[in-house]
Amino acid sequence: MAAALIHVDAVQKERLAWRAKLRGESFSPEVRDAADLYLDVPVESEPELLHLAKTANDAADRRIKNRDETVG
């Protein structure tokens, strides 16, 4: 495995560390998984990527709303 120095802002680091903890992983595997996920998205342009991200966020928001209505 190759070493790489990356710079993330404080919020990114906190969010990655939180996700790693949820999965029982350390920070480095979480960053590698995030990079793999990004690289596996089959997009040709930044606008296409932004559209894909918005679609995914909208779907997640709907699922959260449905869950909240079911629980609450």
Protein backbone atom coordinates (compact mmCIF):
# COMPACT_ATOMS: atom_id res chain seq x y z
CA MET A 1 0.00 0.00 0.00
CA ALA A 2 1.33 3.46 -0.89
CA ALA A 3 1.39 6.24 1.66
CA ALA A 4 -0.13 9.63 0.82
CA LEU A 5 -0.39 12.86 2.73
CA ILE A 6 -3.81 14.45 2.32
CA HIS A 7 -5.24 17.60 3.81
CA VAL A 8 -8.85 17.65 4.94
CA ASP A 9 -10.66 20.37 6.80
CA ALA A 10 -11.68 19.88 10.42
CA VAL A 11 -15.29 19.03 9.59
CA GLN A 12 -14.26 16.41 7.01
CA LYS A 13 -11.88 14.84 9.49
CA GLU A 14 -14.55 14.76 12.19
CA ARG A 15 -17.14 13.24 9.85
CA LEU A 16 -14.73 10.61 8.52
CA ALA A 17 -13.64 9.69 12.04
CA TRP A 18 -17.29 9.40 13.14
CA ARG A 19 -18.11 7.10 10.21
CA ALA A 20 -15.01 5.02 10.86
CA LYS A 21 -16.05 4.59 14.49
CA LEU A 22 -19.54 3.49 13.44
CA ARG A 23 -18.04 0.81 11.23
CA GLY A 24 -15.41 -0.26 13.75
CA GLU A 25 -12.62 0.98 11.48
CA SER A 26 -9.80 3.44 11.84
CA PHE A 27 -9.52 6.71 9.95
CA SER A 28 -7.30 5.49 7.10
CA PRO A 29 -9.56 2.67 5.85
CA GLU A 30 -12.49 5.08 5.94
CA VAL A 31 -10.62 7.55 3.74
CA ARG A 32 -9.66 4.75 1.33
CA ASP A 33 -13.28 3.57 1.15
CA ALA A 34 -14.46 7.14 0.50
CA ALA A 35 -11.91 7.50 -2.31
CA ASP A 36 -12.96 4.16 -3.82
CA LEU A 37 -16.62 5.16 -3.71
CA TYR A 38 -15.84 8.46 -5.43
CA LEU A 39 -13.72 6.77 -8.09
CA ASP A 40 -16.34 4.08 -8.77
CA VAL A 41 -19.03 6.63 -9.71
CA PRO A 42 -19.35 6.48 -13.51
CA VAL A 43 -19.56 10.16 -14.42
CA GLU A 44 -18.07 12.10 -17.29
CA SER A 45 -18.33 15.64 -15.95
CA GLU A 46 -18.65 17.68 -12.78
CA PRO A 47 -22.27 18.75 -13.54
CA GLU A 48 -23.18 15.09 -13.94
CA LEU A 49 -21.52 14.29 -10.61
CA LEU A 50 -23.34 17.19 -8.91
CA HIS A 51 -26.66 15.95 -10.31
CA LEU A 52 -25.94 12.44 -9.04
CA ALA A 53 -25.06 13.78 -5.60
CA LYS A 54 -28.24 15.88 -5.44
CA THR A 55 -30.35 12.91 -6.48
CA ALA A 56 -28.75 10.73 -3.79
CA ASN A 57 -29.20 13.43 -1.13
CA ASP A 58 -32.86 13.91 -2.09
CA ALA A 59 -33.45 10.16 -1.84
CA ALA A 60 -31.76 10.03 1.56
CA ASP A 61 -33.86 12.97 2.78
CA ARG A 62 -37.05 11.18 1.70
CA ARG A 63 -36.02 8.00 3.53
CA ILE A 64 -35.20 9.93 6.69
CA LYS A 65 -38.53 11.77 6.53
CA ASN A 66 -40.42 8.49 6.05
CA ARG A 67 -38.53 6.91 8.94
CA ASP A 68 -39.23 9.89 11.19
CA GLU A 69 -42.95 9.76 10.34
CA THR A 70 -43.03 6.03 11.06
CA VAL A 71 -41.17 6.32 14.38
CA GLY A 72 -42.66 9.60 15.58
